[in-house]
């Protein structure tokens, strides 16, 4: 299954990598990238493995959420017959409702 990430998701990941590189070390930043890649591969194999609570919370049809193992980040995604679309990758303490307000 094809995996597509939005510009916003790419920026979210880049900011997190920069934060880990600056505040921790390059090894932690690398492990974060590995965790995100692992989560996306998991979604490609098991698209429904994320929780549907994101749809209920935001009202965005089909929006699901999956955590990145070992890091406090959540991948918000939708899936259809041909692709997994990662829309945002947000720290779990972010105001999720505010982040998705422009979509609603």
PDB file of N, CA and C in Angstrom:
ATOM      1  N   UNK A   1       0.848  -1.181   0.000  1.00  0.00           N
ATOM      2  CA  UNK A   1       0.000   0.000   0.000  1.00  0.00           C
ATOM      3  C   UNK A   1       0.894   1.244   0.000  1.00  0.00           C
ATOM      4  N   UNK A   2       0.516   2.223  -0.775  1.00  0.00           N
ATOM      5  CA  UNK A   2       1.271   3.467  -0.868  1.00  0.00           C
ATOM      6  C   UNK A   2       1.139   4.266   0.422  1.00  0.00           C
ATOM      7  N   UNK A   3       2.230   4.905   0.831  1.00  0.00           N
ATOM      8  CA  UNK A   3       2.205   5.770   2.013  1.00  0.00           C
ATOM      9  C   UNK A   3       2.501   7.192   1.567  1.00  0.00           C
ATOM     10  N   UNK A   4       1.629   8.108   1.961  1.00  0.00           N
ATOM     11  CA  UNK A   4       1.760   9.509   1.585  1.00  0.00           C
ATOM     12  C   UNK A   4       1.719  10.337   2.860  1.00  0.00           C
ATOM     13  N   UNK A   5       2.623  11.298   2.974  1.00  0.00           N
ATOM     14  CA  UNK A   5       2.561  12.197   4.130  1.00  0.00           C
ATOM     15  C   UNK A   5       2.327  13.616   3.634  1.00  0.00           C
ATOM     16  N   UNK A   6       1.556  14.343   4.396  1.00  0.00           N
ATOM     17  CA  UNK A   6       1.259  15.730   4.047  1.00  0.00           C
ATOM     18  C   UNK A   6       2.468  16.611   4.345  1.00  0.00           C
ATOM     19  N   UNK A   7       2.454  17.796   3.782  1.00  0.00           N
ATOM     20  CA  UNK A   7       3.515  18.764   4.082  1.00  0.00           C
ATOM     21  C   UNK A   7       3.534  19.062   5.580  1.00  0.00           C
ATOM     22  N   UNK A   8       2.346  19.166   6.191  1.00  0.00           N
ATOM     23  CA  UNK A   8       2.269  19.436   7.632  1.00  0.00           C
ATOM     24  C   UNK A   8       2.920  18.306   8.427  1.00  0.00           C
ATOM     25  N   UNK A   9       2.667  17.052   8.037  1.00  0.00           N
ATOM     26  CA  UNK A   9       3.280  15.915   8.735  1.00  0.00           C
ATOM     27  C   UNK A   9       4.796  15.932   8.566  1.00  0.00           C
ATOM     28  N   UNK A  10       5.253  16.235   7.356  1.00  0.00           N
ATOM     29  CA  UNK A  10       6.700  16.313   7.125  1.00  0.00           C
ATOM     30  C   UNK A  10       7.336  17.397   7.998  1.00  0.00           C
ATOM     31  N   UNK A  11       6.664  18.538   8.122  1.00  0.00           N
ATOM     32  CA  UNK A  11       7.175  19.619   8.981  1.00  0.00           C
ATOM     33  C   UNK A  11       7.156  19.214  10.449  1.00  0.00           C
ATOM     34  N   UNK A  12       6.089  18.514  10.866  1.00  0.00           N
ATOM     35  CA  UNK A  12       6.013  18.033  12.250  1.00  0.00           C
ATOM     36  C   UNK A  12       7.211  17.140  12.565  1.00  0.00           C
ATOM     37  N   UNK A  13       7.512  16.227  11.655  1.00  0.00           N
ATOM     38  CA  UNK A  13       8.623  15.296  11.857  1.00  0.00           C
ATOM     39  C   UNK A  13       9.950  16.050  11.876  1.00  0.00           C
ATOM     40  N   UNK A  14      10.134  16.964  10.946  1.00  0.00           N
ATOM     41  CA  UNK A  14      11.389  17.733  10.887  1.00  0.00           C
ATOM     42  C   UNK A  14      11.608  18.528  12.170  1.00  0.00           C
ATOM     43  N   UNK A  15      10.548  19.133  12.689  1.00  0.00           N
ATOM     44  CA  UNK A  15      10.672  19.898  13.942  1.00  0.00           C
ATOM     45  C   UNK A  15      11.033  18.988  15.111  1.00  0.00           C
ATOM     46  N   UNK A  16      10.409  17.815  15.163  1.00  0.00           N
ATOM     47  CA  UNK A  16      10.706  16.880  16.253  1.00  0.00           C
ATOM     48  C   UNK A  16      12.151  16.382  16.163  1.00  0.00           C
ATOM     49  N   UNK A  17      12.603  16.072  14.962  1.00  0.00           N
ATOM     50  CA  UNK A  17      13.985  15.622  14.774  1.00  0.00           C
ATOM     51  C   UNK A  17      14.949  16.719  15.216  1.00  0.00           C
ATOM     52  N   UNK A  18      14.676  17.940  14.814  1.00  0.00           N
ATOM     53  CA  UNK A  18      15.526  19.067  15.218  1.00  0.00           C
ATOM     54  C   UNK A  18      15.548  19.215  16.738  1.00  0.00           C
ATOM     55  N   UNK A  19      14.375  19.080  17.361  1.00  0.00           N
ATOM     56  CA  UNK A  19      14.293  19.178  18.822  1.00  0.00           C
ATOM     57  C   UNK A  19      15.139  18.086  19.483  1.00  0.00           C
ATOM     58  N   UNK A  20      14.980  16.844  19.044  1.00  0.00           N
ATOM     59  CA  UNK A  20      15.745  15.752  19.645  1.00  0.00           C
ATOM     60  C   UNK A  20      17.241  15.922  19.398  1.00  0.00           C
ATOM     61  N   UNK A  21      17.608  16.395  18.221  1.00  0.00           N
ATOM     62  CA  UNK A  21      19.023  16.612  17.917  1.00  0.00           C
ATOM     63  C   UNK A  21      19.605  17.698  18.824  1.00  0.00           C
ATOM     64  N   UNK A  22      18.830  18.780  19.033  1.00  0.00           N
ATOM     65  CA  UNK A  22      19.311  19.904  19.848  1.00  0.00           C
ATOM     66  C   UNK A  22      19.245  19.628  21.345  1.00  0.00           C
ATOM     67  N   UNK A  23      18.170  18.992  21.798  1.00  0.00           N
ATOM     68  CA  UNK A  23      17.939  18.816  23.230  1.00  0.00           C
ATOM     69  C   UNK A  23      18.455  17.485  23.778  1.00  0.00           C
ATOM     70  N   UNK A  24      18.620  16.512  22.919  1.00  0.00           N
ATOM     71  CA  UNK A  24      19.132  15.208  23.359  1.00  0.00           C
ATOM     72  C   UNK A  24      20.441  14.944  22.614  1.00  0.00           C
ATOM     73  N   UNK A  25      20.357  14.173  21.534  1.00  0.00           N
ATOM     74  CA  UNK A  25      21.553  13.875  20.743  1.00  0.00           C
ATOM     75  C   UNK A  25      21.122  13.300  19.394  1.00  0.00           C
ATOM     76  N   UNK A  26      22.049  13.208  18.451  1.00  0.00           N
ATOM     77  CA  UNK A  26      21.707  12.679  17.129  1.00  0.00           C
ATOM     78  C   UNK A  26      21.165  11.244  17.174  1.00  0.00           C
ATOM     79  N   UNK A  27      21.637  10.452  18.125  1.00  0.00           N
ATOM     80  CA  UNK A  27      21.158   9.071  18.260  1.00  0.00           C
ATOM     81  C   UNK A  27      19.661   9.047  18.570  1.00  0.00           C
ATOM     82  N   UNK A  28      19.215   9.910  19.470  1.00  0.00           N
ATOM     83  CA  UNK A  28      17.794   9.975  19.813  1.00  0.00           C
ATOM     84  C   UNK A  28      16.984  10.430  18.607  1.00  0.00           C
ATOM     85  N   UNK A  29      17.496  11.413  17.883  1.00  0.00           N
ATOM     86  CA  UNK A  29      16.816  11.880  16.670  1.00  0.00           C
ATOM     87  C   UNK A  29      16.683  10.739  15.662  1.00  0.00           C
ATOM     88  N   UNK A  30      17.722   9.948  15.522  1.00  0.00           N
ATOM     89  CA  UNK A  30      17.695   8.812  14.604  1.00  0.00           C
ATOM     90  C   UNK A  30      16.687   7.754  15.051  1.00  0.00           C
ATOM     91  N   UNK A  31      16.644   7.491  16.356  1.00  0.00           N
ATOM     92  CA  UNK A  31      15.666   6.525  16.882  1.00  0.00           C
ATOM     93  C   UNK A  31      14.240   7.023  16.658  1.00  0.00           C
ATOM     94  N   UNK A  32      14.028   8.335  16.761  1.00  0.00           N
ATOM     95  CA  UNK A  32      12.703   8.904  16.505  1.00  0.00           C
ATOM     96  C   UNK A  32      12.296   8.642  15.050  1.00  0.00           C
ATOM     97  N   UNK A  33      13.199   8.907  14.124  1.00  0.00           N
ATOM     98  CA  UNK A  33      12.904   8.649  12.708  1.00  0.00           C
ATOM     99  C   UNK A  33      12.571   7.175  12.498  1.00  0.00           C
ATOM    100  N   UNK A  34      13.345   6.285  13.116  1.00  0.00           N
ATOM    101  CA  UNK A  34      13.078   4.849  13.010  1.00  0.00           C
ATOM    102  C   UNK A  34      11.690   4.507  13.544  1.00  0.00           C
ATOM    103  N   UNK A  35      11.296   5.127  14.662  1.00  0.00           N
ATOM    104  CA  UNK A  35       9.983   4.855  15.258  1.00  0.00           C
ATOM    105  C   UNK A  35       8.855   5.309  14.336  1.00  0.00           C
ATOM    106  N   UNK A  36       9.025   6.450  13.692  1.00  0.00           N
ATOM    107  CA  UNK A  36       8.008   6.937  12.757  1.00  0.00           C
ATOM    108  C   UNK A  36       7.926   6.008  11.547  1.00  0.00           C
ATOM    109  N   UNK A  37       9.070   5.623  11.009  1.00  0.00           N
ATOM    110  CA  UNK A  37       9.086   4.714   9.859  1.00  0.00           C
ATOM    111  C   UNK A  37       8.455   3.369  10.205  1.00  0.00           C
ATOM    112  N   UNK A  38       8.719   2.866  11.397  1.00  0.00           N
ATOM    113  CA  UNK A  38       8.117   1.613  11.845  1.00  0.00           C
ATOM    114  C   UNK A  38       6.601   1.743  11.930  1.00  0.00           C
ATOM    115  N   UNK A  39       6.120   2.851  12.479  1.00  0.00           N
ATOM    116  CA  UNK A  39       4.675   3.070  12.593  1.00  0.00           C
ATOM    117  C   UNK A  39       4.022   3.110  11.210  1.00  0.00           C
ATOM    118  N   UNK A  40       4.657   3.778  10.271  1.00  0.00           N
ATOM    119  CA  UNK A  40       4.097   3.871   8.917  1.00  0.00           C
ATOM    120  C   UNK A  40       4.091   2.496   8.243  1.00  0.00           C
ATOM    121  N   UNK A  41       5.145   1.714   8.424  1.00  0.00           N
ATOM    122  CA  UNK A  41       5.161   0.349   7.874  1.00  0.00           C
ATOM    123  C   UNK A  41       4.056  -0.497   8.497  1.00  0.00           C
ATOM    124  N   UNK A  42       3.847  -0.326   9.791  1.00  0.00           N
ATOM    125  CA  UNK A  42       2.776  -1.067  10.464  1.00  0.00           C
ATOM    126  C   UNK A  42       1.428  -0.707   9.854  1.00  0.00           C
ATOM    127  N   UNK A  43       1.229   0.579   9.595  1.00  0.00           N
ATOM    128  CA  UNK A  43      -0.033   1.013   8.992  1.00  0.00           C
ATOM    129  C   UNK A  43      -0.208   0.441   7.591  1.00  0.00           C
ATOM    130  N   UNK A  44       0.876   0.323   6.847  1.00  0.00           N
ATOM    131  CA  UNK A  44       0.789  -0.255   5.507  1.00  0.00           C
ATOM    132  C   UNK A  44       0.323  -1.708   5.577  1.00  0.00           C
ATOM    133  N   UNK A  45       0.772  -2.423   6.608  1.00  0.00           N
ATOM    134  CA  UNK A  45       0.385  -3.826   6.777  1.00  0.00           C
ATOM    135  C   UNK A  45      -0.969  -3.984   7.449  1.00  0.00           C
ATOM    136  N   UNK A  46      -1.273  -3.098   8.390  1.00  0.00           N
ATOM    137  CA  UNK A  46      -2.505  -3.184   9.175  1.00  0.00           C
ATOM    138  C   UNK A  46      -3.149  -1.798   9.269  1.00  0.00           C
ATOM    139  N   UNK A  47      -3.796  -1.333   8.206  1.00  0.00           N
ATOM    140  CA  UNK A  47      -4.312   0.042   8.170  1.00  0.00           C
ATOM    141  C   UNK A  47      -5.284   0.396   9.294  1.00  0.00           C
ATOM    142  N   UNK A  48      -6.009  -0.570   9.785  1.00  0.00           N
ATOM    143  CA  UNK A  48      -6.991  -0.280  10.836  1.00  0.00           C
ATOM    144  C   UNK A  48      -6.411  -0.428  12.234  1.00  0.00           C
ATOM    145  N   UNK A  49      -5.094  -0.549  12.356  1.00  0.00           N
ATOM    146  CA  UNK A  49      -4.500  -0.787  13.672  1.00  0.00           C
ATOM    147  C   UNK A  49      -4.552   0.431  14.581  1.00  0.00           C
ATOM    148  N   UNK A  50      -4.694   1.612  14.025  1.00  0.00           N
ATOM    149  CA  UNK A  50      -4.810   2.817  14.848  1.00  0.00           C
ATOM    150  C   UNK A  50      -6.211   2.956  15.422  1.00  0.00           C
ATOM    151  N   UNK A  51      -6.337   3.787  16.412  1.00  0.00           N
ATOM    152  CA  UNK A  51      -7.615   4.015  17.081  1.00  0.00           C
ATOM    153  C   UNK A  51      -8.494   4.967  16.272  1.00  0.00           C
ATOM    154  N   UNK A  52      -9.788   4.697  16.269  1.00  0.00           N
ATOM    155  CA  UNK A  52     -10.753   5.556  15.579  1.00  0.00           C
ATOM    156  C   UNK A  52     -11.196   6.729  16.447  1.00  0.00           C
ATOM    157  N   UNK A  53     -10.606   6.887  17.621  1.00  0.00           N
ATOM    158  CA  UNK A  53     -11.017   7.984  18.507  1.00  0.00           C
ATOM    159  C   UNK A  53     -10.757   9.349  17.889  1.00  0.00           C
ATOM    160  N   UNK A  54      -9.792   9.439  16.986  1.00  0.00           N
ATOM    161  CA  UNK A  54      -9.495  10.733  16.355  1.00  0.00           C
ATOM    162  C   UNK A  54     -10.672  11.216  15.518  1.00  0.00           C
ATOM    163  N   UNK A  55     -11.356  10.298  14.855  1.00  0.00           N
ATOM    164  CA  UNK A  55     -12.533  10.684  14.069  1.00  0.00           C
ATOM    165  C   UNK A  55     -13.626  11.214  14.985  1.00  0.00           C
ATOM    166  N   UNK A  56     -13.871  10.512  16.072  1.00  0.00           N
ATOM    167  CA  UNK A  56     -14.905  10.945  17.013  1.00  0.00           C
ATOM    168  C   UNK A  56     -14.556  12.291  17.635  1.00  0.00           C
ATOM    169  N   UNK A  57     -13.294  12.495  17.910  1.00  0.00           N
ATOM    170  CA  UNK A  57     -12.860  13.731  18.573  1.00  0.00           C
ATOM    171  C   UNK A  57     -12.898  14.935  17.643  1.00  0.00           C
ATOM    172  N   UNK A  58     -12.491  14.736  16.385  1.00  0.00           N
ATOM    173  CA  UNK A  58     -12.385  15.864  15.459  1.00  0.00           C
ATOM    174  C   UNK A  58     -13.563  15.991  14.507  1.00  0.00           C
ATOM    175  N   UNK A  59     -14.283  14.892  14.307  1.00  0.00           N
ATOM    176  CA  UNK A  59     -15.355  14.895  13.324  1.00  0.00           C
ATOM    177  C   UNK A  59     -14.855  14.718  11.903  1.00  0.00           C
ATOM    178  N   UNK A  60     -13.560  14.465  11.734  1.00  0.00           N
ATOM    179  CA  UNK A  60     -12.988  14.273  10.401  1.00  0.00           C
ATOM    180  C   UNK A  60     -13.174  12.807  10.010  1.00  0.00           C
ATOM    181  N   UNK A  61     -13.947  12.545   8.959  1.00  0.00           N
ATOM    182  CA  UNK A  61     -14.244  11.161   8.575  1.00  0.00           C
ATOM    183  C   UNK A  61     -12.988  10.333   8.320  1.00  0.00           C
ATOM    184  N   UNK A  62     -12.945   9.171   8.959  1.00  0.00           N
ATOM    185  CA  UNK A  62     -11.862   8.226   8.734  1.00  0.00           C
ATOM    186  C   UNK A  62     -10.543   8.534   9.415  1.00  0.00           C
ATOM    187  N   UNK A  63     -10.471   9.623  10.175  1.00  0.00           N
ATOM    188  CA  UNK A  63      -9.206   9.976  10.832  1.00  0.00           C
ATOM    189  C   UNK A  63      -8.933   9.006  11.978  1.00  0.00           C
ATOM    190  N   UNK A  64      -7.748   8.425  11.955  1.00  0.00           N
ATOM    191  CA  UNK A  64      -7.325   7.474  12.983  1.00  0.00           C
ATOM    192  C   UNK A  64      -6.014   7.960  13.582  1.00  0.00           C
ATOM    193  N   UNK A  65      -5.618   7.352  14.699  1.00  0.00           N
ATOM    194  CA  UNK A  65      -4.385   7.766  15.376  1.00  0.00           C
ATOM    195  C   UNK A  65      -3.619   6.532  15.846  1.00  0.00           C
ATOM    196  N   UNK A  66      -2.296   6.603  15.703  1.00  0.00           N
ATOM    197  CA  UNK A  66      -1.409   5.528  16.145  1.00  0.00           C
ATOM    198  C   UNK A  66      -0.196   6.159  16.807  1.00  0.00           C
ATOM    199  N   UNK A  67       0.194   5.619  17.952  1.00  0.00           N
ATOM    200  CA  UNK A  67       1.361   6.135  18.657  1.00  0.00           C
ATOM    201  C   UNK A  67       2.666   5.619  18.070  1.00  0.00           C
ATOM    202  N   UNK A  68       3.708   6.431  18.211  1.00  0.00           N
ATOM    203  CA  UNK A  68       5.060   6.027  17.809  1.00  0.00           C
ATOM    204  C   UNK A  68       5.707   5.346  19.014  1.00  0.00           C
ATOM    205  N   UNK A  69       6.102   4.105  18.867  1.00  0.00           N
ATOM    206  CA  UNK A  69       6.663   3.330  19.971  1.00  0.00           C
ATOM    207  C   UNK A  69       7.930   3.999  20.502  1.00  0.00           C
ATOM    208  N   UNK A  70       7.945   4.230  21.825  1.00  0.00           N
ATOM    209  CA  UNK A  70       9.123   4.785  22.479  1.00  0.00           C
ATOM    210  C   UNK A  70       9.196   6.297  22.497  1.00  0.00           C
ATOM    211  N   UNK A  71       8.222   6.961  21.869  1.00  0.00           N
ATOM    212  CA  UNK A  71       8.210   8.424  21.812  1.00  0.00           C
ATOM    213  C   UNK A  71       6.787   8.926  22.041  1.00  0.00           C
ATOM    214  N   UNK A  72       6.649  10.113  22.620  1.00  0.00           N
ATOM    215  CA  UNK A  72       5.311  10.638  22.919  1.00  0.00           C
ATOM    216  C   UNK A  72       4.686  11.361  21.722  1.00  0.00           C
ATOM    217  N   UNK A  73       4.697  10.704  20.566  1.00  0.00           N
ATOM    218  CA  UNK A  73       4.151  11.294  19.348  1.00  0.00           C
ATOM    219  C   UNK A  73       3.051  10.414  18.781  1.00  0.00           C
ATOM    220  N   UNK A  74       2.076  11.070  18.163  1.00  0.00           N
ATOM    221  CA  UNK A  74       0.921  10.405  17.583  1.00  0.00           C
ATOM    222  C   UNK A  74       0.865  10.694  16.091  1.00  0.00           C
ATOM    223  N   UNK A  75       0.622   9.656  15.303  1.00  0.00           N
ATOM    224  CA  UNK A  75       0.439   9.810  13.863  1.00  0.00           C
ATOM    225  C   UNK A  75      -1.055   9.842  13.582  1.00  0.00           C
ATOM    226  N   UNK A  76      -1.513  10.897  12.956  1.00  0.00           N
ATOM    227  CA  UNK A  76      -2.916  11.037  12.575  1.00  0.00           C
ATOM    228  C   UNK A  76      -3.006  10.752  11.080  1.00  0.00           C
ATOM    229  N   UNK A  77      -3.850   9.790  10.715  1.00  0.00           N
ATOM    230  CA  UNK A  77      -3.863   9.333   9.333  1.00  0.00           C
ATOM    231  C   UNK A  77      -5.257   8.914   8.886  1.00  0.00           C
ATOM    232  N   UNK A  78      -5.406   8.820   7.585  1.00  0.00           N
ATOM    233  CA  UNK A  78      -6.593   8.221   6.980  1.00  0.00           C
ATOM    234  C   UNK A  78      -6.092   7.167   5.999  1.00  0.00           C
ATOM    235  N   UNK A  79      -6.970   6.257   5.639  1.00  0.00           N
ATOM    236  CA  UNK A  79      -6.591   5.268   4.637  1.00  0.00           C
ATOM    237  C   UNK A  79      -7.768   5.029   3.701  1.00  0.00           C
ATOM    238  N   UNK A  80      -7.424   4.714   2.480  1.00  0.00           N
ATOM    239  CA  UNK A  80      -8.429   4.317   1.506  1.00  0.00           C
ATOM    240  C   UNK A  80      -7.893   3.077   0.795  1.00  0.00           C
ATOM    241  N   UNK A  81      -8.494   2.721  -0.308  1.00  0.00           N
ATOM    242  CA  UNK A  81      -8.097   1.478  -0.977  1.00  0.00           C
ATOM    243  C   UNK A  81      -6.654   1.466  -1.461  1.00  0.00           C
ATOM    244  N   UNK A  82      -6.098   2.643  -1.804  1.00  0.00           N
ATOM    245  CA  UNK A  82      -4.750   2.627  -2.352  1.00  0.00           C
ATOM    246  C   UNK A  82      -3.677   3.317  -1.529  1.00  0.00           C
ATOM    247  N   UNK A  83      -4.026   3.999  -0.447  1.00  0.00           N
ATOM    248  CA  UNK A  83      -2.972   4.740   0.259  1.00  0.00           C
ATOM    249  C   UNK A  83      -3.274   4.957   1.735  1.00  0.00           C
ATOM    250  N   UNK A  84      -2.181   5.027   2.488  1.00  0.00           N
ATOM    251  CA  UNK A  84      -2.210   5.513   3.865  1.00  0.00           C
ATOM    252  C   UNK A  84      -1.756   6.958   3.773  1.00  0.00           C
ATOM    253  N   UNK A  85      -2.544   7.875   4.294  1.00  0.00           N
ATOM    254  CA  UNK A  85      -2.203   9.297   4.237  1.00  0.00           C
ATOM    255  C   UNK A  85      -1.975   9.814   5.657  1.00  0.00           C
ATOM    256  N   UNK A  86      -0.718  10.115   5.974  1.00  0.00           N
ATOM    257  CA  UNK A  86      -0.376  10.657   7.288  1.00  0.00           C
ATOM    258  C   UNK A  86      -0.538  12.170   7.200  1.00  0.00           C
ATOM    259  N   UNK A  87      -1.477  12.697   8.003  1.00  0.00           N
ATOM    260  CA  UNK A  87      -1.807  14.121   7.944  1.00  0.00           C
ATOM    261  C   UNK A  87      -0.996  14.951   8.931  1.00  0.00           C
ATOM    262  N   UNK A  88      -0.783  14.426  10.127  1.00  0.00           N
ATOM    263  CA  UNK A  88      -0.006  15.144  11.150  1.00  0.00           C
ATOM    264  C   UNK A  88       0.730  14.129  12.006  1.00  0.00           C
ATOM    265  N   UNK A  89       1.842  14.569  12.605  1.00  0.00           N
ATOM    266  CA  UNK A  89       2.597  13.791  13.586  1.00  0.00           C
ATOM    267  C   UNK A  89       2.824  14.750  14.746  1.00  0.00           C
ATOM    268  N   UNK A  90       2.029  14.583  15.811  1.00  0.00           N
ATOM    269  CA  UNK A  90       1.993  15.567  16.890  1.00  0.00           C
ATOM    270  C   UNK A  90       2.396  14.964  18.229  1.00  0.00           C
ATOM    271  N   UNK A  91       3.052  15.781  19.042  1.00  0.00           N
ATOM    272  CA  UNK A  91       3.364  15.377  20.411  1.00  0.00           C
ATOM    273  C   UNK A  91       2.045  15.157  21.142  1.00  0.00           C
ATOM    274  N   UNK A  92       1.998  14.143  21.975  1.00  0.00           N
ATOM    275  CA  UNK A  92       0.742  13.801  22.648  1.00  0.00           C
ATOM    276  C   UNK A  92       0.230  14.891  23.579  1.00  0.00           C
ATOM    277  N   UNK A  93       1.071  15.836  23.963  1.00  0.00           N
ATOM    278  CA  UNK A  93       0.623  16.927  24.842  1.00  0.00           C
ATOM    279  C   UNK A  93       0.125  18.151  24.074  1.00  0.00           C
ATOM    280  N   UNK A  94       0.197  18.111  22.765  1.00  0.00           N
ATOM    281  CA  UNK A  94      -0.301  19.228  21.960  1.00  0.00           C
ATOM    282  C   UNK A  94      -1.818  19.297  22.083  1.00  0.00           C
ATOM    283  N   UNK A  95      -2.365  20.460  21.812  1.00  0.00           N
ATOM    284  CA  UNK A  95      -3.814  20.652  21.795  1.00  0.00           C
ATOM    285  C   UNK A  95      -4.327  20.112  20.458  1.00  0.00           C
ATOM    286  N   UNK A  96      -4.698  18.855  20.470  1.00  0.00           N
ATOM    287  CA  UNK A  96      -5.093  18.173  19.237  1.00  0.00           C
ATOM    288  C   UNK A  96      -6.301  18.856  18.600  1.00  0.00           C
ATOM    289  N   UNK A  97      -7.272  19.234  19.423  1.00  0.00           N
ATOM    290  CA  UNK A  97      -8.461  19.901  18.883  1.00  0.00           C
ATOM    291  C   UNK A  97      -8.071  21.172  18.136  1.00  0.00           C
ATOM    292  N   UNK A  98      -7.175  21.956  18.698  1.00  0.00           N
ATOM    293  CA  UNK A  98      -6.744  23.202  18.051  1.00  0.00           C
ATOM    294  C   UNK A  98      -5.980  22.917  16.760  1.00  0.00           C
ATOM    295  N   UNK A  99      -5.179  21.863  16.748  1.00  0.00           N
ATOM    296  CA  UNK A  99      -4.403  21.531  15.550  1.00  0.00           C
ATOM    297  C   UNK A  99      -5.298  21.152  14.376  1.00  0.00           C
ATOM    298  N   UNK A 100      -6.438  20.534  14.670  1.00  0.00           N
ATOM    299  CA  UNK A 100      -7.328  20.094  13.599  1.00  0.00           C
ATOM    300  C   UNK A 100      -8.494  21.046  13.360  1.00  0.00           C
ATOM    301  N   UNK A 101      -8.588  22.123  14.107  1.00  0.00           N
ATOM    302  CA  UNK A 101      -9.682  23.082  13.951  1.00  0.00           C
ATOM    303  C   UNK A 101      -9.820  23.596  12.514  1.00  0.00           C
ATOM    304  N   UNK A 102      -8.725  23.930  11.822  1.00  0.00           N
ATOM    305  CA  UNK A 102      -8.885  24.418  10.442  1.00  0.00           C
ATOM    306  C   UNK A 102      -9.536  23.403   9.499  1.00  0.00           C
ATOM    307  N   UNK A 103      -9.475  22.117   9.843  1.00  0.00           N
ATOM    308  CA  UNK A 103     -10.057  21.082   8.983  1.00  0.00           C
ATOM    309  C   UNK A 103     -11.565  20.996   9.135  1.00  0.00           C
ATOM    310  N   UNK A 104     -12.044  21.402  10.302  1.00  0.00           N
ATOM    311  CA  UNK A 104     -13.457  21.174  10.644  1.00  0.00           C
ATOM    312  C   UNK A 104     -14.337  22.251  10.049  1.00  0.00           C
TER     313      UNK A 104
END
